[in-house]
Amino acid sequence: MHLEAVSAGWLIFGDGFKQGVVRSLVKRLLDVVGSAVLLLLAAPVMLVTAVLVFLESGLPIFYRQERVGLNGQTFNVIKFRSMRQDAEKDGTPRWAGAGDARVTRVGKFIRKTRIDELPQLLCVLKGDMSLVGPRPPLPEEVARYGMLYSTRLLVKPGITGPWQISGRSDLTQEQSEYADVSYIQDWSITGDIVILLKTVVAVFKGTGSY
């Protein structure tokens, strides 16, 4: 999407921004059922991952970070820790890049296969996240949003979404934000199912992961 194609009318009249009670309930039902089933299926993998993370670099096994969700409410996203314990010792969060020395050996594998994100299914069950949605932004990112980018906060962030299936590490900040806003504008159950299927393909291909 090009910036010049965006108008106030596109934001105001886009069907995706009118979530409605029925649509919200259907999406929540899919989230609860889907995350519960996935947690059961992934339990053995999560147990093995927890042991491997501990054996390589000790505690903590999980990594928690404050993110911004629906209507600007903050919550803690949870993942398996894939970096060294002192990766953010200066207190400044930074995205990992290719060949990032902070990523552990186990971390490289679980990031490549997206196993590190499985604990986020607990966030979905709790209601902080959805299976599919915009990327959950950091508070400092939200502080820089204009009207267009703030629309991402009209829905719950997702474990997967357009950013994750589009070669996420190759997208600029602006491109990822436009992809998220486009997702909301065109939201549908069918679209969510397509993104989930594409996520499976991205996992096997290792698309956009470090």
N, C-alpha and C. Protein backbone atom coordinates (compact mmCIF):
# COMPACT_ATOMS: atom_id res chain seq x y z
N MET A 1 0.84 -1.18 0.00
CA MET A 1 0.00 0.00 0.00
C MET A 1 0.89 1.25 0.00
N HIS A 2 0.57 2.20 -0.83
CA HIS A 2 1.32 3.44 -0.89
C HIS A 2 0.68 4.48 0.01
N LEU A 3 1.50 5.33 0.61
CA LEU A 3 1.00 6.34 1.54
C LEU A 3 -0.06 7.23 0.90
N GLU A 4 0.16 7.58 -0.39
CA GLU A 4 -0.79 8.47 -1.05
C GLU A 4 -2.16 7.83 -1.27
N ALA A 5 -2.25 6.51 -1.12
CA ALA A 5 -3.52 5.82 -1.31
C ALA A 5 -4.38 5.85 -0.05
N VAL A 6 -3.80 6.30 1.07
CA VAL A 6 -4.51 6.30 2.34
C VAL A 6 -5.27 7.60 2.50
N SER A 7 -6.54 7.48 2.88
CA SER A 7 -7.35 8.66 3.12
C SER A 7 -8.17 8.47 4.38
N ALA A 8 -8.73 9.57 4.89
CA ALA A 8 -9.55 9.49 6.09
C ALA A 8 -10.77 8.61 5.85
N GLY A 9 -11.34 8.69 4.62
CA GLY A 9 -12.50 7.87 4.30
C GLY A 9 -12.20 6.39 4.34
N TRP A 10 -10.99 6.03 3.91
CA TRP A 10 -10.58 4.61 3.93
C TRP A 10 -10.58 4.09 5.35
N LEU A 11 -10.16 4.93 6.30
CA LEU A 11 -10.13 4.52 7.70
C LEU A 11 -11.54 4.49 8.30
N ILE A 12 -12.33 5.51 7.99
CA ILE A 12 -13.65 5.64 8.62
C ILE A 12 -14.63 4.60 8.11
N PHE A 13 -14.61 4.33 6.81
CA PHE A 13 -15.63 3.46 6.22
C PHE A 13 -15.18 2.03 5.98
N GLY A 14 -13.96 1.71 6.31
CA GLY A 14 -13.48 0.34 6.13
C GLY A 14 -14.22 -0.62 7.04
N ASP A 15 -14.76 -1.70 6.49
CA ASP A 15 -15.55 -2.66 7.27
C ASP A 15 -14.75 -3.30 8.39
N GLY A 16 -13.45 -3.48 8.17
CA GLY A 16 -12.64 -4.15 9.17
C GLY A 16 -12.56 -3.41 10.49
N PHE A 17 -12.76 -2.09 10.46
CA PHE A 17 -12.67 -1.31 11.68
C PHE A 17 -13.97 -1.36 12.48
N LYS A 18 -15.02 -1.93 11.89
CA LYS A 18 -16.30 -2.08 12.59
C LYS A 18 -16.40 -3.53 13.08
N GLN A 19 -15.77 -3.80 14.21
CA GLN A 19 -15.66 -5.18 14.67
C GLN A 19 -17.03 -5.79 15.02
N GLY A 20 -17.83 -5.08 15.82
CA GLY A 20 -19.15 -5.59 16.16
C GLY A 20 -19.08 -6.73 17.18
N VAL A 21 -20.20 -6.95 17.89
CA VAL A 21 -20.25 -7.96 18.95
C VAL A 21 -20.11 -9.37 18.38
N VAL A 22 -20.84 -9.67 17.31
CA VAL A 22 -20.82 -11.02 16.74
C VAL A 22 -19.43 -11.38 16.24
N ARG A 23 -18.82 -10.48 15.49
CA ARG A 23 -17.50 -10.75 14.94
C ARG A 23 -16.48 -10.95 16.07
N SER A 24 -16.59 -10.13 17.11
CA SER A 24 -15.66 -10.24 18.24
C SER A 24 -15.84 -11.56 18.97
N LEU A 25 -17.10 -12.00 19.13
CA LEU A 25 -17.36 -13.25 19.82
C LEU A 25 -16.86 -14.45 19.01
N VAL A 26 -17.07 -14.41 17.70
CA VAL A 26 -16.61 -15.50 16.84
C VAL A 26 -15.09 -15.60 16.88
N LYS A 27 -14.44 -14.47 16.81
CA LYS A 27 -12.97 -14.46 16.83
C LYS A 27 -12.46 -14.95 18.18
N ARG A 28 -13.12 -14.53 19.26
CA ARG A 28 -12.70 -14.97 20.59
C ARG A 28 -12.89 -16.47 20.77
N LEU A 29 -13.99 -17.00 20.24
CA LEU A 29 -14.24 -18.44 20.32
C LEU A 29 -13.15 -19.22 19.59
N LEU A 30 -12.80 -18.75 18.41
CA LEU A 30 -11.74 -19.41 17.65
C LEU A 30 -10.41 -19.34 18.40
N ASP A 31 -10.17 -18.21 19.05
CA ASP A 31 -8.92 -18.03 19.80
C ASP A 31 -8.84 -19.01 20.97
N VAL A 32 -9.92 -19.14 21.72
CA VAL A 32 -9.93 -20.01 22.90
C VAL A 32 -9.77 -21.47 22.49
N VAL A 33 -10.58 -21.90 21.54
CA VAL A 33 -10.52 -23.30 21.09
C VAL A 33 -9.17 -23.59 20.44
N GLY A 34 -8.75 -22.71 19.55
CA GLY A 34 -7.50 -22.92 18.84
C GLY A 34 -6.28 -22.95 19.74
N SER A 35 -6.19 -22.00 20.67
CA SER A 35 -5.04 -21.94 21.57
C SER A 35 -5.02 -23.12 22.53
N ALA A 36 -6.20 -23.56 23.00
CA ALA A 36 -6.27 -24.71 23.91
C ALA A 36 -5.79 -25.99 23.21
N VAL A 37 -6.25 -26.18 21.98
CA VAL A 37 -5.84 -27.37 21.21
C VAL A 37 -4.35 -27.33 20.92
N LEU A 38 -3.86 -26.17 20.51
CA LEU A 38 -2.44 -26.04 20.19
C LEU A 38 -1.55 -26.24 21.41
N LEU A 39 -2.01 -25.77 22.58
CA LEU A 39 -1.24 -25.97 23.80
C LEU A 39 -1.12 -27.45 24.15
N LEU A 40 -2.21 -28.18 23.97
CA LEU A 40 -2.17 -29.61 24.24
C LEU A 40 -1.22 -30.33 23.28
N LEU A 41 -1.30 -29.98 22.00
CA LEU A 41 -0.44 -30.62 21.01
C LEU A 41 1.03 -30.25 21.19
N ALA A 42 1.26 -29.00 21.61
CA ALA A 42 2.63 -28.51 21.71
C ALA A 42 3.27 -28.76 23.07
N ALA A 43 2.52 -29.28 24.03
CA ALA A 43 3.04 -29.48 25.39
C ALA A 43 4.36 -30.24 25.43
N PRO A 44 4.50 -31.39 24.72
CA PRO A 44 5.79 -32.11 24.75
C PRO A 44 6.95 -31.27 24.21
N VAL A 45 6.69 -30.54 23.13
CA VAL A 45 7.74 -29.69 22.52
C VAL A 45 8.12 -28.58 23.49
N MET A 46 7.13 -27.99 24.15
CA MET A 46 7.40 -26.90 25.09
C MET A 46 8.19 -27.41 26.29
N LEU A 47 7.89 -28.61 26.75
CA LEU A 47 8.62 -29.18 27.88
C LEU A 47 10.09 -29.41 27.53
N VAL A 48 10.34 -30.00 26.37
CA VAL A 48 11.71 -30.25 25.91
C VAL A 48 12.45 -28.92 25.73
N THR A 49 11.78 -27.93 25.16
CA THR A 49 12.40 -26.62 24.95
C THR A 49 12.79 -25.98 26.27
N ALA A 50 11.91 -26.07 27.26
CA ALA A 50 12.20 -25.49 28.57
C ALA A 50 13.46 -26.12 29.18
N VAL A 51 13.58 -27.44 29.04
CA VAL A 51 14.75 -28.15 29.57
C VAL A 51 16.02 -27.71 28.84
N LEU A 52 15.96 -27.60 27.52
CA LEU A 52 17.13 -27.23 26.73
C LEU A 52 17.59 -25.80 27.03
N VAL A 53 16.63 -24.89 27.18
CA VAL A 53 16.98 -23.51 27.51
C VAL A 53 17.68 -23.45 28.87
N PHE A 54 17.14 -24.20 29.83
CA PHE A 54 17.73 -24.23 31.17
C PHE A 54 19.14 -24.83 31.16
N LEU A 55 19.32 -25.94 30.44
CA LEU A 55 20.62 -26.60 30.40
C LEU A 55 21.68 -25.73 29.74
N GLU A 56 21.29 -24.96 28.73
CA GLU A 56 22.29 -24.14 28.04
C GLU A 56 22.63 -22.86 28.78
N SER A 57 21.63 -22.19 29.32
CA SER A 57 21.91 -20.87 29.89
C SER A 57 21.18 -20.57 31.20
N GLY A 58 20.62 -21.61 31.83
CA GLY A 58 20.02 -21.42 33.14
C GLY A 58 18.69 -20.69 33.11
N LEU A 59 18.36 -20.11 34.25
CA LEU A 59 17.11 -19.37 34.40
C LEU A 59 17.33 -17.89 34.06
N PRO A 60 16.28 -17.19 33.66
CA PRO A 60 14.90 -17.65 33.50
C PRO A 60 14.70 -18.38 32.17
N ILE A 61 13.72 -19.25 32.14
CA ILE A 61 13.40 -19.99 30.91
C ILE A 61 12.59 -19.11 29.96
N PHE A 62 11.74 -18.27 30.56
CA PHE A 62 10.86 -17.43 29.75
C PHE A 62 11.35 -15.99 29.72
N TYR A 63 10.97 -15.32 28.66
CA TYR A 63 11.29 -13.91 28.47
C TYR A 63 9.98 -13.14 28.45
N ARG A 64 9.87 -12.14 29.30
CA ARG A 64 8.66 -11.32 29.36
C ARG A 64 8.99 -9.89 28.98
N GLN A 65 8.10 -9.29 28.24
CA GLN A 65 8.31 -7.91 27.80
C GLN A 65 6.96 -7.20 27.70
N GLU A 66 6.93 -5.96 28.13
CA GLU A 66 5.69 -5.19 28.08
C GLU A 66 5.37 -4.80 26.64
N ARG A 67 4.16 -5.06 26.25
CA ARG A 67 3.66 -4.68 24.93
C ARG A 67 2.32 -3.97 25.08
N VAL A 68 1.85 -3.36 24.00
CA VAL A 68 0.58 -2.64 24.02
C VAL A 68 -0.45 -3.40 23.20
N GLY A 69 -1.63 -3.58 23.78
CA GLY A 69 -2.68 -4.35 23.12
C GLY A 69 -3.92 -3.55 22.82
N LEU A 70 -5.05 -4.22 22.89
CA LEU A 70 -6.35 -3.62 22.56
C LEU A 70 -6.60 -2.35 23.36
N ASN A 71 -6.99 -1.30 22.65
CA ASN A 71 -7.33 -0.01 23.26
C ASN A 71 -6.19 0.59 24.08
N GLY A 72 -4.95 0.23 23.73
CA GLY A 72 -3.81 0.82 24.40
C GLY A 72 -3.46 0.23 25.75
N GLN A 73 -4.13 -0.88 26.11
CA GLN A 73 -3.83 -1.53 27.38
C GLN A 73 -2.52 -2.32 27.28
N THR A 74 -1.68 -2.19 28.29
CA THR A 74 -0.40 -2.90 28.27
C THR A 74 -0.55 -4.29 28.90
N PHE A 75 0.30 -5.21 28.45
CA PHE A 75 0.34 -6.56 28.99
C PHE A 75 1.74 -7.11 28.78
N ASN A 76 2.05 -8.20 29.41
CA ASN A 76 3.36 -8.83 29.25
C ASN A 76 3.27 -9.99 28.27
N VAL A 77 4.01 -9.88 27.18
CA VAL A 77 4.09 -10.98 26.23
C VAL A 77 5.14 -11.95 26.77
N ILE A 78 4.91 -13.24 26.56
CA ILE A 78 5.81 -14.26 27.10
C ILE A 78 6.31 -15.17 25.98
N LYS A 79 7.62 -15.40 25.98
CA LYS A 79 8.25 -16.28 25.00
C LYS A 79 9.31 -17.12 25.71
N PHE A 80 9.75 -18.18 25.04
CA PHE A 80 10.93 -18.87 25.54
C PHE A 80 12.13 -17.95 25.31
N ARG A 81 13.00 -17.86 26.29
CA ARG A 81 14.17 -16.99 26.16
C ARG A 81 15.12 -17.56 25.11
N SER A 82 15.43 -16.76 24.11
CA SER A 82 16.30 -17.21 23.02
C SER A 82 17.62 -16.45 23.00
N MET A 83 17.80 -15.51 23.92
CA MET A 83 19.03 -14.73 23.98
C MET A 83 19.73 -14.93 25.33
N ARG A 84 20.96 -14.44 25.39
CA ARG A 84 21.69 -14.49 26.64
C ARG A 84 20.95 -13.71 27.72
N GLN A 85 21.24 -14.02 28.96
CA GLN A 85 20.57 -13.36 30.08
C GLN A 85 20.86 -11.86 30.13
N ASP A 86 22.02 -11.45 29.60
CA ASP A 86 22.39 -10.03 29.64
C ASP A 86 22.15 -9.34 28.29
N ALA A 87 21.27 -9.91 27.48
CA ALA A 87 21.03 -9.38 26.13
C ALA A 87 20.55 -7.93 26.15
N GLU A 88 19.79 -7.55 27.18
CA GLU A 88 19.27 -6.19 27.28
C GLU A 88 19.66 -5.58 28.61
N LYS A 89 20.95 -5.75 28.98
CA LYS A 89 21.41 -5.28 30.28
C LYS A 89 21.33 -3.76 30.43
N ASP A 90 21.29 -3.04 29.29
CA ASP A 90 21.16 -1.59 29.36
C ASP A 90 19.72 -1.14 29.48
N GLY A 91 18.79 -2.12 29.47
CA GLY A 91 17.37 -1.80 29.63
C GLY A 91 16.69 -1.33 28.37
N THR A 92 17.38 -1.39 27.24
CA THR A 92 16.81 -0.93 25.97
C THR A 92 16.50 -2.12 25.07
N PRO A 93 15.21 -2.38 24.78
CA PRO A 93 14.85 -3.50 23.89
C PRO A 93 15.34 -3.22 22.47
N ARG A 94 15.91 -4.25 21.83
CA ARG A 94 16.37 -4.14 20.45
C ARG A 94 16.03 -5.40 19.71
N TRP A 95 15.52 -5.26 18.46
CA TRP A 95 15.20 -6.42 17.65
C TRP A 95 16.48 -7.16 17.30
N ALA A 96 16.39 -8.48 17.25
CA ALA A 96 17.55 -9.28 16.87
C ALA A 96 17.75 -9.23 15.36
N GLY A 97 19.00 -9.19 14.94
CA GLY A 97 19.31 -9.18 13.52
C GLY A 97 20.04 -10.45 13.12
N ALA A 98 20.32 -10.59 11.84
CA ALA A 98 21.04 -11.77 11.36
C ALA A 98 22.41 -11.84 12.00
N GLY A 99 22.76 -13.01 12.51
CA GLY A 99 24.07 -13.19 13.14
C GLY A 99 24.21 -12.50 14.47
N ASP A 100 23.10 -12.15 15.12
CA ASP A 100 23.14 -11.46 16.41
C ASP A 100 23.82 -12.35 17.44
N ALA A 101 24.90 -11.84 18.03
CA ALA A 101 25.70 -12.62 18.98
C ALA A 101 24.96 -12.87 20.29
N ARG A 102 23.88 -12.15 20.52
CA ARG A 102 23.13 -12.32 21.77
C ARG A 102 22.28 -13.59 21.76
N VAL A 103 22.00 -14.12 20.57
CA VAL A 103 21.14 -15.30 20.44
C VAL A 103 21.93 -16.56 20.77
N THR A 104 21.37 -17.40 21.64
CA THR A 104 22.04 -18.64 22.04
C THR A 104 21.88 -19.71 20.95
N ARG A 105 22.59 -20.84 21.12
CA ARG A 105 22.48 -21.92 20.14
C ARG A 105 21.07 -22.49 20.10
N VAL A 106 20.51 -22.75 21.28
CA VAL A 106 19.11 -23.21 21.35
C VAL A 106 18.20 -22.13 20.80
N GLY A 107 18.53 -20.88 21.12
CA GLY A 107 17.72 -19.75 20.67
C GLY A 107 17.62 -19.65 19.16
N LYS A 108 18.72 -19.93 18.47
CA LYS A 108 18.70 -19.87 17.01
C LYS A 108 17.70 -20.86 16.44
N PHE A 109 17.66 -22.05 17.03
CA PHE A 109 16.75 -23.08 16.52
C PHE A 109 15.29 -22.73 16.82
N ILE A 110 15.01 -22.34 18.06
CA ILE A 110 13.61 -22.08 18.41
C ILE A 110 13.08 -20.81 17.76
N ARG A 111 13.97 -19.87 17.43
CA ARG A 111 13.52 -18.69 16.68
C ARG A 111 13.24 -19.06 15.23
N LYS A 112 14.09 -19.92 14.67
CA LYS A 112 13.92 -20.34 13.28
C LYS A 112 12.62 -21.11 13.09
N THR A 113 12.26 -21.91 14.07
CA THR A 113 11.06 -22.75 13.99
C THR A 113 9.86 -22.11 14.66
N ARG A 114 10.04 -20.92 15.21
CA ARG A 114 8.98 -20.18 15.92
C ARG A 114 8.54 -20.87 17.22
N ILE A 115 9.30 -21.84 17.69
CA ILE A 115 8.95 -22.51 18.95
C ILE A 115 9.00 -21.52 20.10
N ASP A 116 9.85 -20.51 19.99
CA ASP A 116 9.97 -19.53 21.07
C ASP A 116 8.66 -18.79 21.34
N GLU A 117 7.77 -18.78 20.35
CA GLU A 117 6.52 -18.03 20.49
C GLU A 117 5.36 -18.87 21.04
N LEU A 118 5.57 -20.15 21.23
CA LEU A 118 4.48 -21.01 21.71
C LEU A 118 3.89 -20.57 23.05
N PRO A 119 4.70 -20.08 24.02
CA PRO A 119 4.10 -19.63 25.29
C PRO A 119 3.09 -18.50 25.13
N GLN A 120 3.11 -17.82 23.99
CA GLN A 120 2.14 -16.75 23.77
C GLN A 120 0.72 -17.29 23.66
N LEU A 121 0.59 -18.60 23.46
CA LEU A 121 -0.75 -19.20 23.45
C LEU A 121 -1.43 -18.97 24.79
N LEU A 122 -0.66 -18.86 25.86
CA LEU A 122 -1.22 -18.56 27.18
C LEU A 122 -1.80 -17.14 27.20
N CYS A 123 -1.14 -16.23 26.48
CA CYS A 123 -1.65 -14.86 26.37
C CYS A 123 -2.97 -14.83 25.61
N VAL A 124 -3.09 -15.75 24.64
CA VAL A 124 -4.34 -15.83 23.87
C VAL A 124 -5.46 -16.36 24.76
N LEU A 125 -5.19 -17.40 25.52
CA LEU A 125 -6.20 -17.94 26.43
C LEU A 125 -6.64 -16.89 27.45
N LYS A 126 -5.69 -16.12 27.93
CA LYS A 126 -5.99 -15.08 28.92
C LYS A 126 -6.82 -13.96 28.33
N GLY A 127 -6.67 -13.74 27.02
CA GLY A 127 -7.45 -12.70 26.37
C GLY A 127 -6.65 -11.47 26.00
N ASP A 128 -5.34 -11.48 26.27
CA ASP A 128 -4.51 -10.33 25.92
C ASP A 128 -4.18 -10.29 24.44
N MET A 129 -4.14 -11.48 23.82
CA MET A 129 -3.77 -11.57 22.41
C MET A 129 -4.77 -12.43 21.65
N SER A 130 -4.60 -12.45 20.34
CA SER A 130 -5.40 -13.29 19.46
C SER A 130 -4.44 -14.19 18.69
N LEU A 131 -4.95 -15.27 18.12
CA LEU A 131 -4.08 -16.11 17.29
C LEU A 131 -3.56 -15.33 16.09
N VAL A 132 -4.43 -14.53 15.48
CA VAL A 132 -4.06 -13.73 14.32
C VAL A 132 -4.37 -12.27 14.60
N GLY A 133 -3.44 -11.41 14.27
CA GLY A 133 -3.66 -9.98 14.49
C GLY A 133 -2.41 -9.19 14.20
N PRO A 134 -2.44 -7.89 14.44
CA PRO A 134 -1.25 -7.06 14.23
C PRO A 134 -0.14 -7.45 15.20
N ARG A 135 1.09 -7.11 14.87
CA ARG A 135 2.21 -7.36 15.77
C ARG A 135 2.04 -6.53 17.04
N PRO A 136 2.24 -7.12 18.23
CA PRO A 136 2.11 -6.35 19.48
C PRO A 136 3.26 -5.36 19.63
N PRO A 137 2.99 -4.06 19.60
CA PRO A 137 4.07 -3.07 19.61
C PRO A 137 4.60 -2.78 21.02
N LEU A 138 5.80 -2.25 21.06
CA LEU A 138 6.38 -1.77 22.30
C LEU A 138 5.76 -0.42 22.65
N PRO A 139 5.71 -0.06 23.94
CA PRO A 139 5.14 1.24 24.33
C PRO A 139 5.80 2.42 23.63
N GLU A 140 7.12 2.36 23.44
CA GLU A 140 7.82 3.48 22.79
C GLU A 140 7.45 3.58 21.31
N GLU A 141 7.06 2.46 20.69
CA GLU A 141 6.61 2.51 19.31
C GLU A 141 5.26 3.22 19.23
N VAL A 142 4.37 2.89 20.16
CA VAL A 142 3.04 3.49 20.18
C VAL A 142 3.13 5.00 20.36
N ALA A 143 4.11 5.44 21.13
CA ALA A 143 4.28 6.87 21.39
C ALA A 143 4.59 7.63 20.10
N ARG A 144 5.09 6.93 19.09
CA ARG A 144 5.43 7.58 17.82
C ARG A 144 4.32 7.47 16.79
N TYR A 145 3.23 6.76 17.10
CA TYR A 145 2.18 6.53 16.12
C TYR A 145 1.42 7.80 15.79
N GLY A 146 1.01 7.89 14.52
CA GLY A 146 0.06 8.90 14.11
C GLY A 146 -1.32 8.26 14.05
N MET A 147 -2.28 8.93 13.40
CA MET A 147 -3.65 8.42 13.32
C MET A 147 -3.69 7.06 12.66
N LEU A 148 -2.96 6.88 11.56
CA LEU A 148 -3.01 5.63 10.81
C LEU A 148 -2.49 4.46 11.64
N TYR A 149 -1.34 4.62 12.25
CA TYR A 149 -0.73 3.52 12.98
C TYR A 149 -1.49 3.19 14.25
N SER A 150 -2.15 4.20 14.86
CA SER A 150 -2.90 3.97 16.09
C SER A 150 -4.10 3.06 15.87
N THR A 151 -4.54 2.90 14.63
CA THR A 151 -5.68 2.02 14.36
C THR A 151 -5.34 0.57 14.68
N ARG A 152 -4.06 0.24 14.77
CA ARG A 152 -3.66 -1.12 15.12
C ARG A 152 -4.14 -1.50 16.52
N LEU A 153 -4.40 -0.50 17.36
CA LEU A 153 -4.81 -0.76 18.73
C LEU A 153 -6.31 -0.97 18.85
N LEU A 154 -7.02 -0.99 17.71
CA LEU A 154 -8.47 -1.22 17.74
C LEU A 154 -8.79 -2.70 17.85
N VAL A 155 -7.80 -3.57 17.67
CA VAL A 155 -8.00 -5.01 17.78
C VAL A 155 -6.87 -5.60 18.63
N LYS A 156 -7.04 -6.82 19.06
CA LYS A 156 -6.00 -7.47 19.85
C LYS A 156 -4.81 -7.83 18.95
N PRO A 157 -3.61 -7.72 19.46
CA PRO A 157 -2.44 -8.15 18.69
C PRO A 157 -2.44 -9.67 18.55
N GLY A 158 -1.72 -10.18 17.56
CA GLY A 158 -1.75 -11.61 17.31
C GLY A 158 -0.38 -12.27 17.42
N ILE A 159 -0.41 -13.58 17.65
CA ILE A 159 0.83 -14.36 17.62
C ILE A 159 1.39 -14.36 16.21
N THR A 160 0.50 -14.47 15.24
CA THR A 160 0.91 -14.39 13.85
C THR A 160 0.03 -13.37 13.14
N GLY A 161 0.49 -12.96 11.97
CA GLY A 161 -0.24 -11.95 11.23
C GLY A 161 0.48 -11.65 9.93
N PRO A 162 0.09 -10.60 9.23
CA PRO A 162 0.70 -10.28 7.94
C PRO A 162 2.20 -10.03 8.03
N TRP A 163 2.65 -9.44 9.13
CA TRP A 163 4.09 -9.17 9.30
C TRP A 163 4.88 -10.47 9.38
N GLN A 164 4.35 -11.41 10.16
CA GLN A 164 5.07 -12.67 10.40
C GLN A 164 5.16 -13.56 9.16
N ILE A 165 4.20 -13.46 8.26
CA ILE A 165 4.20 -14.34 7.08
C ILE A 165 4.77 -13.66 5.84
N SER A 166 5.23 -12.42 6.00
CA SER A 166 5.70 -11.66 4.83
C SER A 166 7.19 -11.43 4.85
N GLY A 167 7.94 -12.36 5.47
CA GLY A 167 9.39 -12.19 5.55
C GLY A 167 9.70 -11.06 6.51
N ARG A 168 9.23 -11.19 7.76
CA ARG A 168 9.21 -10.10 8.73
C ARG A 168 10.55 -9.40 8.89
N SER A 169 11.64 -10.14 8.83
CA SER A 169 12.94 -9.52 9.04
C SER A 169 13.37 -8.67 7.85
N ASP A 170 12.69 -8.82 6.72
CA ASP A 170 13.05 -8.07 5.52
C ASP A 170 12.19 -6.83 5.33
N LEU A 171 11.17 -6.65 6.18
CA LEU A 171 10.28 -5.51 6.05
C LEU A 171 10.78 -4.33 6.87
N THR A 172 10.57 -3.12 6.35
CA THR A 172 10.88 -1.93 7.13
C THR A 172 9.78 -1.73 8.17
N GLN A 173 10.03 -0.84 9.14
CA GLN A 173 9.04 -0.55 10.16
C GLN A 173 7.74 -0.06 9.52
N GLU A 174 7.87 0.84 8.54
CA GLU A 174 6.68 1.40 7.88
C GLU A 174 5.90 0.32 7.13
N GLN A 175 6.61 -0.56 6.44
CA GLN A 175 5.93 -1.62 5.69
C GLN A 175 5.17 -2.56 6.61
N SER A 176 5.76 -2.90 7.76
CA SER A 176 5.10 -3.81 8.68
C SER A 176 3.85 -3.16 9.27
N GLU A 177 3.93 -1.86 9.54
CA GLU A 177 2.77 -1.16 10.12
C GLU A 177 1.64 -1.05 9.11
N TYR A 178 1.96 -0.78 7.85
CA TYR A 178 0.92 -0.72 6.82
C TYR A 178 0.29 -2.09 6.61
N ALA A 179 1.09 -3.15 6.69
CA ALA A 179 0.55 -4.50 6.54
C ALA A 179 -0.46 -4.79 7.64
N ASP A 180 -0.16 -4.35 8.87
CA ASP A 180 -1.06 -4.58 9.99
C ASP A 180 -2.37 -3.80 9.83
N VAL A 181 -2.26 -2.54 9.41
CA VAL A 181 -3.46 -1.72 9.24
C VAL A 181 -4.33 -2.28 8.11
N SER A 182 -3.70 -2.76 7.04
CA SER A 182 -4.45 -3.37 5.94
C SER A 182 -5.17 -4.62 6.40
N TYR A 183 -4.54 -5.39 7.29
CA TYR A 183 -5.16 -6.60 7.83
C TYR A 183 -6.46 -6.24 8.56
N ILE A 184 -6.40 -5.20 9.39
CA ILE A 184 -7.59 -4.80 10.16
C ILE A 184 -8.70 -4.33 9.21
N GLN A 185 -8.32 -3.54 8.23
CA GLN A 185 -9.31 -2.99 7.30
C GLN A 185 -10.04 -4.07 6.52
N ASP A 186 -9.33 -5.17 6.21
CA ASP A 186 -9.90 -6.24 5.40
C ASP A 186 -10.20 -7.50 6.22
N TRP A 187 -10.34 -7.36 7.54
CA TRP A 187 -10.45 -8.53 8.40
C TRP A 187 -11.64 -9.42 8.06
N SER A 188 -11.39 -10.74 8.12
CA SER A 188 -12.44 -11.73 7.96
C SER A 188 -11.95 -13.04 8.56
N ILE A 189 -12.88 -13.92 8.93
CA ILE A 189 -12.52 -15.23 9.46
C ILE A 189 -11.71 -16.02 8.43
N THR A 190 -12.16 -15.93 7.17
CA THR A 190 -11.45 -16.63 6.10
C THR A 190 -10.02 -16.13 6.00
N GLY A 191 -9.85 -14.81 6.12
CA GLY A 191 -8.52 -14.23 6.06
C GLY A 191 -7.63 -14.74 7.18
N ASP A 192 -8.20 -14.88 8.38
CA ASP A 192 -7.44 -15.40 9.52
C ASP A 192 -6.98 -16.84 9.26
N ILE A 193 -7.87 -17.64 8.69
CA ILE A 193 -7.54 -19.04 8.40
C ILE A 193 -6.41 -19.10 7.37
N VAL A 194 -6.47 -18.24 6.36
CA VAL A 194 -5.42 -18.20 5.34
C VAL A 194 -4.08 -17.84 5.98
N ILE A 195 -4.08 -16.85 6.87
CA ILE A 195 -2.84 -16.44 7.54
C ILE A 195 -2.29 -17.57 8.39
N LEU A 196 -3.16 -18.30 9.09
CA LEU A 196 -2.71 -19.43 9.91
C LEU A 196 -2.06 -20.50 9.04
N LEU A 197 -2.66 -20.78 7.87
CA LEU A 197 -2.09 -21.77 6.97
C LEU A 197 -0.74 -21.30 6.41
N LYS A 198 -0.66 -20.01 6.09
CA LYS A 198 0.59 -19.46 5.58
C LYS A 198 1.66 -19.45 6.67
N THR A 199 1.23 -19.34 7.92
CA THR A 199 2.18 -19.37 9.03
C THR A 199 2.86 -20.73 9.11
N VAL A 200 2.06 -21.78 8.89
CA VAL A 200 2.62 -23.14 8.90
C VAL A 200 3.70 -23.27 7.82
N VAL A 201 3.41 -22.73 6.64
CA VAL A 201 4.38 -22.76 5.54
C VAL A 201 5.62 -21.95 5.91
N ALA A 202 5.42 -20.77 6.52
CA ALA A 202 6.55 -19.92 6.90
C ALA A 202 7.43 -20.61 7.94
N VAL A 203 6.82 -21.37 8.84
CA VAL A 203 7.58 -22.08 9.87
C VAL A 203 8.48 -23.12 9.22
N PHE A 204 7.94 -23.90 8.30
CA PHE A 204 8.72 -24.95 7.63
C PHE A 204 9.80 -24.37 6.73
N LYS A 205 9.53 -23.21 6.13
CA LYS A 205 10.51 -22.60 5.25
C LYS A 205 11.50 -21.72 6.01
N GLY A 206 11.15 -21.37 7.27
CA GLY A 206 12.02 -20.50 8.05
C GLY A 206 12.04 -19.09 7.51
N THR A 207 10.93 -18.65 6.91
CA THR A 207 10.87 -17.34 6.28
C THR A 207 10.93 -16.22 7.31
N GLY A 208 11.86 -15.29 7.12
CA GLY A 208 11.92 -14.10 7.94
C GLY A 208 12.34 -14.31 9.36
N SER A 209 12.95 -15.42 9.70
CA SER A 209 13.36 -15.67 11.08
C SER A 209 14.87 -15.64 11.19
N TYR A 210 15.34 -15.20 12.38
CA TYR A 210 16.78 -15.22 12.67
C TYR A 210 17.06 -16.22 13.76
